[in-house]
Amino acid sequence: MTKPNAFVKNLNNINKSINSLLERNLNKLKFDNLKIIVSNNKIILTFVAVFILFISYLLVPTFHKQIDISKELKNELLSKFNLDFTFNQKLDYKFFPRPHFTSKDSSIVENQKNIAEISQIKIYVSLDNLLSTKNFNINEVIFEKANFELNNKNSNFFVKLLNNNFLNANLKIENSNIFFRNLEDEVLFINKIENLIYFYDPKKLKNVLYSENKIFNTPYYLEVINDQEQKKLYTKLNVNFLKLEIKNIHKYDDDVKSGSASLIFNKIKSSLTYKTNKNFFEFHYYDDLDNQKYLYNGRLNFKPFFSTLEGSAKEINVSHLFGTNAILAELLKTEIFNNKNIDFKLDINANKIQNYRNFINIYLKSKIQEGLIDIDDSRVEWKNYSDIKFTDTLFVVKDGKLFLDGKSKINITNINNIYKYLLTPKNFRKKINTIDLSFSYSFDEKILILNNIRMDSKYNEKVNKKLKNIYFRDTHMQNKILFKNMMNDLLEAYAG
């Protein structure tokens, strides 16, 4: 009986505590306290009423006529950004997370032609004036999945946009493309816009264009500032993949525009000055004004189109031109230069080739004519032991890979020194004056294939049979032991 009595006793104690607590609190519930509760309810009711009114205010644009909204937004876009829009579908209004209109399949018109097709446009408006369509104030516009069609006539489309007032309104472009076409309406290249924004920078007191892009699968970043007072265009280009940064100042107030650029390429600094107008582009490129290591001069004429480039260097790096994913190699793969209207000539002299020290006194002669690209008449010396001349060459694309096919004539000036360098056994040392051969070099796989070799104008079947099983890779060319062994195998076949 002891345990049940204790349980009952505990229940009674709990009951007394509850009663005491209720009594104390009910005594406090006087008339004044009731007034406070009612007053607090008024505050809550007022808050609810204000919230409902605010939501109702946000919903006001849903009651405006579609024609009035479309007309007002078009006028506002034309006024702020100087862009003429066509909304092919109705405008939908949404107030979350902030008031904005959306429309699909819109377009931008310039000179009665569609310059851009926009999959979706978002137009954000301020909260100030939603009661009337005539008082809409746009503070941000976003293009999504837009395709821009540009050519020589409207190539400055994105630069011209900087002339507008972005003090209270931003313009963004996301996940879009620029198709740049030639006069024959052929696509020369496609620029992928990942993120682009126009905004006003309060520190620089200027409009700024910042863009993240890709071209030929190479990402790059671009910043542009237009100083209308001084008639100067400041640009900054970063290609992190190539460790390249270019800062440019372009003066556009005269008939003949001029500019200067500073370049940092793989921590190497260089400079460029140029002049241009609608008929030509002329430039001088150098690495150091006081101690020049290389210098390039060039001129591009647009009417009629032809161009020349001449340069000299102590050392050239061919991997930057034709290496894997190099911009020039990627451009050649697109075959955009295979155009009969392009006339281009390139002449470069260099003392040596980087990573291939045995090749000296290089003379690179290249041209693009009648849609064909070659390096005919180019020459290079090998250790002062021989000189090599290239003929019947042609850049070709096979199955998406870049090749250089051609013929080469090697004049040997010191055969004894060649044998000493190769450590050729004496019984294989025959007198050789000239070597003629055909070759094919794969820039993607970095493989050189030789065939149809003739020594002193004579075809040797043993040597050519041996060549069928030999592939000169870049690693072989740079590895002296492997290179010597392969060359001695060929000399053994020739001597035998």
Protein backbone atom coordinates (compact mmCIF):
# COMPACT_ATOMS: atom_id res chain seq x y z
CA MET A 1 0.00 0.00 0.00
CA THR A 2 2.94 2.34 0.39
CA LYS A 3 3.58 2.78 -3.35
CA PRO A 4 -0.07 3.63 -4.34
CA ASN A 5 -0.31 6.20 -1.56
CA ALA A 6 2.86 7.88 -2.74
CA PHE A 7 1.55 7.98 -6.34
CA VAL A 8 -1.72 9.63 -5.24
CA LYS A 9 0.18 12.10 -3.13
CA ASN A 10 2.33 13.13 -6.15
CA LEU A 11 -0.81 13.62 -8.27
CA ASN A 12 -2.32 15.92 -5.70
CA ASN A 13 0.84 17.99 -5.58
CA ILE A 14 0.83 18.38 -9.38
CA ASN A 15 -2.85 19.36 -9.34
CA LYS A 16 -2.23 22.04 -6.69
CA SER A 17 0.64 23.47 -8.76
CA ILE A 18 -1.50 23.74 -11.89
CA ASN A 19 -4.36 25.40 -9.99
CA SER A 20 -1.98 27.89 -8.40
CA LEU A 21 -0.49 28.76 -11.81
CA LEU A 22 -3.93 29.32 -13.38
CA GLU A 23 -5.08 31.42 -10.47
CA ARG A 24 -2.06 33.71 -10.63
CA ASN A 25 -2.39 34.31 -14.39
CA LEU A 26 -6.19 34.72 -14.38
CA ASN A 27 -5.87 37.38 -11.71
CA LYS A 28 -3.60 39.35 -14.06
CA LEU A 29 -6.21 39.25 -16.85
CA LYS A 30 -7.78 42.59 -16.01
CA PHE A 31 -9.44 45.15 -18.31
CA ASP A 32 -6.20 47.00 -19.03
CA ASN A 33 -4.52 43.78 -20.12
CA LEU A 34 -7.46 43.01 -22.41
CA LYS A 35 -7.00 46.44 -24.04
CA ILE A 36 -3.33 45.60 -24.76
CA ILE A 37 -4.33 42.33 -26.40
CA VAL A 38 -6.92 44.10 -28.55
CA SER A 39 -4.34 46.77 -29.43
CA ASN A 40 -1.85 44.08 -30.47
CA ASN A 41 -4.52 42.52 -32.67
CA LYS A 42 -4.97 45.88 -34.37
CA ILE A 43 -1.24 45.91 -35.16
CA ILE A 44 -1.47 42.42 -36.57
CA LEU A 45 -4.57 43.30 -38.58
CA THR A 46 -2.87 46.45 -39.86
CA PHE A 47 0.19 44.44 -40.94
CA VAL A 48 -2.02 41.92 -42.74
CA ALA A 49 -3.93 44.72 -44.46
CA VAL A 50 -0.70 46.41 -45.59
CA PHE A 51 0.65 43.09 -46.85
CA ILE A 52 -2.54 42.46 -48.84
CA LEU A 53 -2.41 45.98 -50.28
CA PHE A 54 1.25 45.50 -51.25
CA ILE A 55 0.51 42.21 -52.99
CA SER A 56 -2.45 43.82 -54.73
CA TYR A 57 -0.16 46.65 -55.87
CA LEU A 58 2.31 44.12 -57.27
CA LEU A 59 -0.52 42.41 -59.14
CA VAL A 60 -1.76 45.61 -60.80
CA PRO A 61 0.20 45.00 -64.08
CA THR A 62 -1.79 41.80 -64.62
CA PHE A 63 -4.86 43.97 -65.24
CA HIS A 64 -3.21 46.19 -67.86
CA LYS A 65 -3.93 45.57 -71.52
CA GLN A 66 -1.32 43.43 -73.30
CA ILE A 67 -1.06 45.90 -76.18
CA ASP A 68 -0.36 48.82 -73.82
CA ILE A 69 2.30 46.86 -71.90
CA SER A 70 4.04 45.73 -75.08
CA LYS A 71 4.04 49.23 -76.55
CA GLU A 72 5.35 50.88 -73.39
CA LEU A 73 8.13 48.31 -72.84
CA LYS A 74 9.24 48.58 -76.48
CA ASN A 75 9.43 52.37 -76.16
CA GLU A 76 11.32 52.12 -72.89
CA LEU A 77 13.83 49.60 -74.35
CA LEU A 78 14.34 51.82 -77.38
CA SER A 79 14.86 54.85 -75.16
CA LYS A 80 17.27 53.22 -72.69
CA PHE A 81 19.29 50.89 -74.95
CA ASN A 82 18.50 52.08 -78.48
CA LEU A 83 17.23 48.58 -79.30
CA ASP A 84 14.16 47.97 -81.44
CA PHE A 85 12.35 44.86 -80.15
CA THR A 86 9.64 42.68 -81.61
CA PHE A 87 7.71 40.50 -79.16
CA ASN A 88 6.42 37.51 -81.11
CA GLN A 89 4.58 36.09 -78.11
CA LYS A 90 2.61 37.67 -75.28
CA LEU A 91 4.35 39.14 -72.25
CA ASP A 92 3.88 37.25 -68.97
CA TYR A 93 4.05 39.16 -65.72
CA LYS A 94 5.60 37.79 -62.51
CA PHE A 95 6.26 39.64 -59.25
CA PHE A 96 8.54 37.06 -57.59
CA PRO A 97 11.36 37.50 -56.70
CA ARG A 98 10.83 41.03 -58.11
CA PRO A 99 8.44 42.46 -60.69
CA HIS A 100 9.36 41.49 -64.25
CA PHE A 101 7.93 40.60 -67.64
CA THR A 102 9.00 37.59 -69.69
CA SER A 103 8.50 36.78 -73.33
CA LYS A 104 9.68 33.97 -75.60
CA ASP A 105 10.83 34.13 -79.23
CA SER A 106 11.60 37.86 -79.29
CA SER A 107 13.86 39.59 -81.80
CA ILE A 108 15.94 42.75 -82.22
CA VAL A 109 15.48 44.65 -85.48
CA GLU A 110 18.10 46.88 -87.10
CA ASN A 111 17.71 48.43 -90.55
CA GLN A 112 14.51 46.39 -91.03
CA LYS A 113 16.41 43.11 -90.51
CA ASN A 114 16.47 40.81 -87.52
CA ILE A 115 19.90 41.10 -85.95
CA ALA A 116 19.11 38.79 -83.02
CA GLU A 117 16.68 36.03 -82.14
CA ILE A 118 16.10 35.71 -78.38
CA SER A 119 14.68 32.52 -76.90
CA GLN A 120 13.62 34.30 -73.72
CA ILE A 121 13.81 37.87 -72.49
CA LYS A 122 13.27 39.05 -68.91
CA ILE A 123 12.47 42.72 -68.32
CA TYR A 124 12.66 43.84 -64.68
CA VAL A 125 10.81 47.01 -63.69
CA SER A 126 11.07 49.14 -60.55
CA LEU A 127 8.42 49.14 -57.81
CA ASP A 128 7.85 52.89 -58.11
CA ASN A 129 5.20 53.04 -60.80
CA LEU A 130 3.17 49.91 -61.44
CA LEU A 131 -0.25 51.55 -61.52
CA SER A 132 0.12 52.89 -65.07
CA THR A 133 1.82 51.37 -68.12
CA LYS A 134 3.13 54.83 -68.99
CA ASN A 135 5.25 54.93 -65.84
CA PHE A 136 7.17 51.64 -66.13
CA ASN A 137 10.84 52.10 -65.30
CA ILE A 138 13.13 49.31 -66.54
CA ASN A 139 16.11 48.59 -64.27
CA GLU A 140 17.43 45.35 -65.78
CA VAL A 141 17.06 43.30 -68.96
CA ILE A 142 18.28 39.71 -69.44
CA PHE A 143 18.57 37.85 -72.75
CA GLU A 144 18.69 34.06 -72.53
CA LYS A 145 19.73 31.78 -75.40
CA ALA A 146 20.00 34.54 -78.00
CA ASN A 147 21.57 34.19 -81.46
CA PHE A 148 23.15 37.34 -82.91
CA GLU A 149 23.87 37.65 -86.66
CA LEU A 150 26.79 40.00 -87.33
CA ASN A 151 28.87 40.95 -90.36
CA ASN A 152 31.21 43.75 -91.42
CA LYS A 153 28.36 46.26 -91.52
CA ASN A 154 27.16 45.74 -87.94
CA SER A 155 30.26 44.24 -86.30
CA ASN A 156 30.37 47.13 -83.78
CA PHE A 157 26.90 46.28 -82.44
CA PHE A 158 28.10 45.41 -78.92
CA VAL A 159 30.44 48.40 -78.71
CA LYS A 160 27.68 50.82 -79.75
CA LEU A 161 25.56 49.64 -76.83
CA LEU A 162 28.10 51.25 -74.49
CA ASN A 163 26.86 54.66 -75.66
CA ASN A 164 23.61 54.16 -73.75
CA ASN A 165 22.85 55.12 -70.16
CA PHE A 166 23.44 52.19 -67.80
CA LEU A 167 23.45 54.32 -64.65
CA ASN A 168 20.10 52.90 -63.48
CA ALA A 169 19.69 49.87 -65.70
CA ASN A 170 21.83 46.81 -66.50
CA LEU A 171 21.74 44.64 -69.59
CA LYS A 172 22.72 40.96 -69.39
CA ILE A 173 23.15 38.26 -72.02
CA GLU A 174 23.40 34.61 -70.99
CA ASN A 175 24.11 31.35 -72.81
CA SER A 176 24.02 32.94 -76.27
CA ASN A 177 25.90 32.89 -79.60
CA ILE A 178 27.32 35.37 -82.10
CA PHE A 179 27.38 34.14 -85.70
CA PHE A 180 29.83 36.27 -87.68
CA ARG A 181 29.26 36.04 -91.43
CA ASN A 182 31.18 37.21 -94.50
CA LEU A 183 29.77 39.12 -97.47
CA GLU A 184 28.59 35.83 -98.99
CA ASP A 185 26.58 35.17 -95.80
CA GLU A 186 28.84 32.26 -94.87
CA VAL A 187 29.54 31.70 -91.17
CA LEU A 188 33.20 32.52 -90.48
CA PHE A 189 33.13 31.72 -86.78
CA ILE A 190 30.79 31.32 -83.82
CA ASN A 191 31.44 33.15 -80.55
CA LYS A 192 29.80 31.58 -77.51
CA ILE A 193 28.60 34.09 -74.89
CA GLU A 194 28.40 32.45 -71.48
CA ASN A 195 27.79 35.62 -69.46
CA LEU A 196 27.80 39.24 -70.62
CA ILE A 197 26.79 42.36 -68.70
CA TYR A 198 26.63 46.10 -69.37
CA PHE A 199 26.74 48.24 -66.23
CA TYR A 200 27.83 51.63 -64.91
CA ASP A 201 31.00 51.64 -62.81
CA PRO A 202 30.78 54.44 -60.18
CA LYS A 203 34.56 54.33 -59.60
CA LYS A 204 35.49 54.74 -63.26
CA LEU A 205 32.41 56.88 -63.95
CA LYS A 206 32.01 54.99 -67.22
CA ASN A 207 29.87 52.30 -68.80
CA VAL A 208 31.55 48.90 -68.76
CA LEU A 209 31.05 45.78 -70.84
CA TYR A 210 32.29 42.55 -69.24
CA SER A 211 31.91 39.25 -71.02
CA GLU A 212 32.88 35.60 -70.54
CA ASN A 213 33.11 33.86 -73.91
CA LYS A 214 34.37 30.88 -75.89
CA ILE A 215 35.67 30.82 -79.45
CA PHE A 216 36.99 27.69 -81.13
CA ASN A 217 36.53 25.97 -77.75
CA THR A 218 38.95 28.47 -76.19
CA PRO A 219 37.55 30.46 -73.22
CA TYR A 220 38.39 34.15 -72.92
CA TYR A 221 37.31 37.18 -70.91
CA LEU A 222 36.72 40.65 -72.33
CA GLU A 223 36.28 44.04 -70.68
CA VAL A 224 35.45 47.17 -72.72
CA ILE A 225 35.13 50.81 -71.62
CA ASN A 226 34.09 53.56 -74.03
CA ASP A 227 35.33 57.07 -73.14
CA GLN A 228 33.08 59.25 -75.31
CA GLU A 229 34.67 62.51 -74.17
CA GLN A 230 38.20 61.56 -75.26
CA LYS A 231 36.99 59.31 -78.10
CA LYS A 232 38.93 56.34 -76.78
CA LEU A 233 37.99 52.70 -76.41
CA TYR A 234 39.74 50.75 -73.64
CA THR A 235 39.70 46.97 -73.90
CA LYS A 236 41.20 44.18 -71.84
CA LEU A 237 41.33 40.61 -73.14
CA ASN A 238 42.33 37.57 -71.07
CA VAL A 239 42.89 34.09 -72.51
CA ASN A 240 43.92 32.11 -69.46
CA PHE A 241 44.36 28.91 -71.44
CA LEU A 242 47.14 30.56 -73.46
CA LYS A 243 48.39 32.70 -70.54
CA LEU A 244 47.64 35.72 -72.71
CA GLU A 245 46.53 39.22 -71.65
CA ILE A 246 46.04 42.14 -74.04
CA LYS A 247 45.29 45.73 -72.99
CA ASN A 248 44.39 48.08 -75.83
CA ILE A 249 43.69 51.80 -76.22
CA HIS A 250 41.91 52.67 -79.47
CA LYS A 251 41.49 56.29 -80.64
CA TYR A 252 38.53 56.66 -82.99
CA ASP A 253 38.09 60.43 -83.41
CA ASP A 254 40.03 60.75 -86.73
CA ASP A 255 39.40 59.29 -90.18
CA VAL A 256 42.47 57.09 -89.69
CA LYS A 257 42.06 55.41 -86.32
CA SER A 258 45.13 54.53 -84.26
CA GLY A 259 45.93 52.57 -81.17
CA SER A 260 48.47 50.86 -78.99
CA ALA A 261 48.36 47.60 -77.10
CA SER A 262 50.45 45.92 -74.43
CA LEU A 263 50.60 42.13 -74.46
CA ILE A 264 51.67 39.59 -71.86
CA PHE A 265 52.07 36.11 -73.32
CA ASN A 266 53.35 33.40 -71.00
CA LYS A 267 54.96 36.16 -68.84
CA ILE A 268 56.67 37.65 -71.92
CA LYS A 269 55.78 41.31 -72.55
CA SER A 270 55.41 42.87 -75.99
CA SER A 271 53.79 45.89 -77.63
CA LEU A 272 51.76 46.72 -80.70
CA THR A 273 50.98 49.99 -82.47
CA TYR A 274 48.59 50.26 -85.40
CA LYS A 275 46.61 52.48 -87.78
CA THR A 276 43.41 51.59 -89.54
CA ASN A 277 40.43 52.84 -91.53
CA LYS A 278 37.83 51.20 -93.75
CA ASN A 279 40.45 50.38 -96.39
CA PHE A 280 43.46 49.05 -94.47
CA PHE A 281 45.01 47.88 -91.19
CA GLU A 282 48.73 48.51 -90.62
CA PHE A 283 50.73 47.50 -87.55
CA HIS A 284 54.17 47.25 -85.93
CA TYR A 285 54.73 44.57 -83.33
CA TYR A 286 57.78 44.35 -81.06
CA ASP A 287 58.77 42.96 -77.68
CA ASP A 288 60.98 45.78 -76.43
CA LEU A 289 61.62 49.26 -77.82
CA ASP A 290 65.20 49.36 -76.53
CA ASN A 291 66.31 45.76 -77.07
CA GLN A 292 64.22 44.19 -79.81
CA LYS A 293 64.22 40.41 -79.92
CA TYR A 294 61.67 40.23 -82.70
CA LEU A 295 59.78 42.67 -84.87
CA TYR A 296 56.79 42.19 -87.15
CA ASN A 297 55.35 44.61 -89.67
CA GLY A 298 52.14 43.98 -91.51
CA ARG A 299 49.45 45.50 -93.65
CA LEU A 300 45.96 44.27 -94.44
CA ASN A 301 44.10 45.88 -97.34
CA PHE A 302 40.34 45.46 -97.37
CA LYS A 303 39.44 46.92 -100.79
CA PRO A 304 40.61 44.84 -102.60
CA PHE A 305 41.43 42.34 -99.88
CA PHE A 306 45.03 41.21 -99.58
CA SER A 307 47.53 41.26 -96.75
CA THR A 308 51.25 40.94 -96.10
CA LEU A 309 53.15 40.22 -92.92
CA GLU A 310 56.90 40.42 -92.48
CA GLY A 311 58.84 39.68 -89.33
CA SER A 312 62.11 38.72 -87.75
CA ALA A 313 62.86 36.93 -84.50
CA LYS A 314 65.74 35.44 -82.62
CA GLU A 315 63.58 32.42 -81.79
CA ILE A 316 60.12 31.22 -82.76
CA ASN A 317 57.90 28.75 -80.96
CA VAL A 318 55.96 26.73 -83.52
CA SER A 319 53.94 24.99 -80.80
CA HIS A 320 52.12 28.28 -80.11
CA LEU A 321 51.09 28.36 -83.77
CA PHE A 322 50.41 24.72 -84.59
CA GLY A 323 50.44 22.90 -81.25
CA THR A 324 47.46 21.00 -79.87
CA ASN A 325 44.51 23.42 -79.41
CA ALA A 326 46.59 26.37 -80.67
CA ILE A 327 44.35 29.10 -82.09
CA LEU A 328 45.93 29.07 -85.57
CA ALA A 329 45.69 25.28 -85.81
CA GLU A 330 42.03 25.42 -84.73
CA LEU A 331 41.34 28.13 -87.31
CA LEU A 332 42.92 26.04 -90.06
CA LYS A 333 40.75 23.08 -89.06
CA THR A 334 37.61 25.14 -89.60
CA GLU A 335 38.77 25.71 -93.21
CA ILE A 336 37.56 29.32 -93.04
CA PHE A 337 40.75 30.35 -94.87
CA ASN A 338 39.89 28.09 -97.80
CA ASN A 339 38.24 31.04 -99.47
CA LYS A 340 39.20 32.14 -102.98
CA ASN A 341 38.72 35.79 -101.98
CA ILE A 342 41.51 35.65 -99.38
CA ASP A 343 45.00 36.72 -100.49
CA PHE A 344 47.54 36.51 -97.67
CA LYS A 345 51.34 36.39 -97.60
CA LEU A 346 53.58 35.78 -94.61
CA ASP A 347 57.39 36.04 -94.47
CA ILE A 348 59.24 35.43 -91.17
CA ASN A 349 62.98 35.11 -90.50
CA ALA A 350 64.23 33.54 -87.28
CA ASN A 351 67.58 32.44 -85.91
CA LYS A 352 66.31 29.23 -84.30
CA ILE A 353 63.26 27.18 -83.29
CA GLN A 354 62.42 26.72 -79.62
CA ASN A 355 62.91 23.09 -78.44
CA TYR A 356 64.62 22.25 -81.75
CA ARG A 357 67.99 23.95 -81.31
CA ASN A 358 69.63 22.12 -84.21
CA PHE A 359 67.37 23.91 -86.71
CA ILE A 360 68.71 27.41 -87.45
CA ASN A 361 68.33 30.27 -89.94
CA ILE A 362 64.64 29.70 -90.56
CA TYR A 363 62.85 31.46 -93.39
CA LEU A 364 59.10 30.80 -93.21
CA LYS A 365 57.23 31.80 -96.35
CA SER A 366 53.50 31.15 -96.33
CA LYS A 367 50.58 32.25 -98.45
CA ILE A 368 46.84 31.81 -98.84
CA GLN A 369 45.68 32.08 -102.45
CA GLU A 370 42.79 30.61 -104.41
CA GLY A 371 41.56 28.89 -101.25
CA LEU A 372 44.85 26.98 -100.76
CA ILE A 373 47.36 27.37 -97.91
CA ASP A 374 51.02 26.41 -98.31
CA ILE A 375 54.57 27.11 -97.13
CA ASP A 376 56.28 26.69 -100.51
CA ASP A 377 59.86 28.02 -100.75
CA SER A 378 60.31 28.00 -96.98
CA ARG A 379 63.81 27.06 -95.85
CA VAL A 380 65.68 25.93 -92.76
CA GLU A 381 69.23 24.82 -91.98
CA TRP A 382 70.23 21.86 -89.85
CA LYS A 383 73.37 22.56 -87.76
CA ASN A 384 75.11 24.20 -90.76
CA TYR A 385 75.40 20.68 -92.17
CA SER A 386 72.53 20.92 -94.65
CA ASP A 387 69.75 23.21 -95.83
CA ILE A 388 66.18 22.09 -96.35
CA LYS A 389 63.72 23.62 -98.81
CA PHE A 390 59.98 22.87 -98.95
CA THR A 391 57.94 22.66 -102.16
CA ASP A 392 54.48 21.50 -103.26
CA THR A 393 53.19 21.89 -99.71
CA LEU A 394 49.56 22.13 -98.66
CA PHE A 395 47.66 22.35 -95.38
CA VAL A 396 44.76 19.89 -95.47
CA VAL A 397 42.10 18.70 -93.02
CA LYS A 398 41.36 14.97 -92.95
CA ASP A 399 38.68 13.59 -90.63
CA GLY A 400 38.86 16.74 -88.53
CA LYS A 401 42.68 16.55 -88.14
CA LEU A 402 45.21 19.02 -89.52
CA PHE A 403 48.01 17.81 -91.81
CA LEU A 404 50.83 19.41 -93.78
CA ASP A 405 51.66 17.44 -96.92
CA GLY A 406 54.49 18.29 -99.28
CA LYS A 407 57.93 17.65 -100.69
CA SER A 408 61.36 18.58 -99.44
CA LYS A 409 64.80 18.90 -101.01
CA ILE A 410 67.81 18.57 -98.69
CA ASN A 411 71.18 19.89 -99.90
CA ILE A 412 73.96 18.41 -97.78
CA THR A 413 76.86 20.79 -97.25
CA ASN A 414 78.94 18.70 -94.83
CA ILE A 415 78.19 14.98 -94.89
CA ASN A 416 81.22 14.10 -92.71
CA ASN A 417 79.98 16.24 -89.82
CA ILE A 418 76.54 14.64 -90.15
CA TYR A 419 78.05 11.17 -89.83
CA LYS A 420 80.05 12.30 -86.80
CA TYR A 421 76.93 13.74 -85.16
CA LEU A 422 74.96 10.55 -85.82
CA LEU A 423 77.87 8.31 -84.76
CA THR A 424 77.37 6.37 -87.98
CA PRO A 425 79.61 3.29 -88.41
CA LYS A 426 82.30 3.88 -91.05
CA ASN A 427 81.08 1.08 -93.33
CA PHE A 428 77.72 2.91 -93.70
CA ARG A 429 79.26 6.29 -94.59
CA LYS A 430 78.51 6.85 -98.26
CA LYS A 431 78.83 10.13 -100.10
CA ILE A 432 75.43 11.87 -100.35
CA ASN A 433 74.85 15.32 -101.88
CA THR A 434 71.05 15.66 -102.08
CA ILE A 435 67.99 13.99 -100.62
CA ASP A 436 64.51 14.39 -102.11
CA LEU A 437 61.46 13.10 -100.28
CA SER A 438 57.74 13.45 -99.71
CA PHE A 439 56.31 13.96 -96.24
CA SER A 440 53.09 14.24 -94.25
CA TYR A 441 52.98 15.80 -90.77
CA SER A 442 50.02 15.41 -88.38
CA PHE A 443 49.69 18.40 -86.05
CA ASP A 444 47.23 16.56 -83.80
CA GLU A 445 49.24 13.37 -83.37
CA LYS A 446 52.62 15.10 -83.84
CA ILE A 447 53.85 12.42 -86.24
CA LEU A 448 56.05 12.92 -89.33
CA ILE A 449 55.78 10.29 -92.07
CA LEU A 450 58.43 10.20 -94.84
CA ASN A 451 58.14 8.37 -98.14
CA ASN A 452 59.34 8.30 -101.75
CA ILE A 453 62.88 9.17 -100.69
CA ARG A 454 65.57 9.65 -103.33
CA MET A 455 69.27 10.08 -102.60
CA ASP A 456 71.25 11.86 -105.31
CA SER A 457 68.11 11.55 -107.50
CA LYS A 458 68.12 7.74 -107.17
CA TYR A 459 65.26 5.74 -105.70
CA ASN A 460 66.41 3.16 -103.14
CA GLU A 461 63.88 0.40 -102.54
CA LYS A 462 65.48 -0.78 -99.28
CA VAL A 463 65.39 2.66 -97.74
CA ASN A 464 61.76 3.26 -98.77
CA LYS A 465 60.74 -0.15 -97.47
CA LYS A 466 62.38 0.72 -94.16
CA LEU A 467 60.55 4.07 -94.05
CA LYS A 468 57.15 2.36 -94.17
CA ASN A 469 57.68 1.17 -90.61
CA ILE A 470 59.16 4.41 -89.22
CA TYR A 471 57.11 7.25 -87.71
CA PHE A 472 59.07 10.28 -86.54
CA ARG A 473 57.27 11.53 -83.43
CA ASP A 474 58.10 14.79 -81.69
CA THR A 475 59.54 12.80 -78.80
CA HIS A 476 61.84 10.99 -81.22
CA MET A 477 62.99 14.26 -82.81
CA GLN A 478 63.87 15.72 -79.42
CA ASN A 479 65.48 12.52 -78.10
CA LYS A 480 68.97 12.46 -79.63
CA ILE A 481 69.57 8.74 -79.07
CA LEU A 482 66.30 7.65 -80.68
CA PHE A 483 66.79 10.05 -83.56
CA LYS A 484 70.36 8.85 -84.23
CA ASN A 485 69.32 5.20 -84.13
CA MET A 486 66.51 5.74 -86.65
CA MET A 487 68.74 7.69 -89.01
CA ASN A 488 71.50 5.07 -88.83
CA ASP A 489 68.97 2.34 -89.64
CA LEU A 490 68.15 4.19 -92.84
CA LEU A 491 71.82 4.74 -93.69
CA GLU A 492 72.51 1.04 -93.13
CA ALA A 493 69.72 0.16 -95.57
CA TYR A 494 71.13 2.61 -98.11
CA ALA A 495 74.71 1.30 -97.74
CA GLY A 496 73.65 -2.33 -97.83
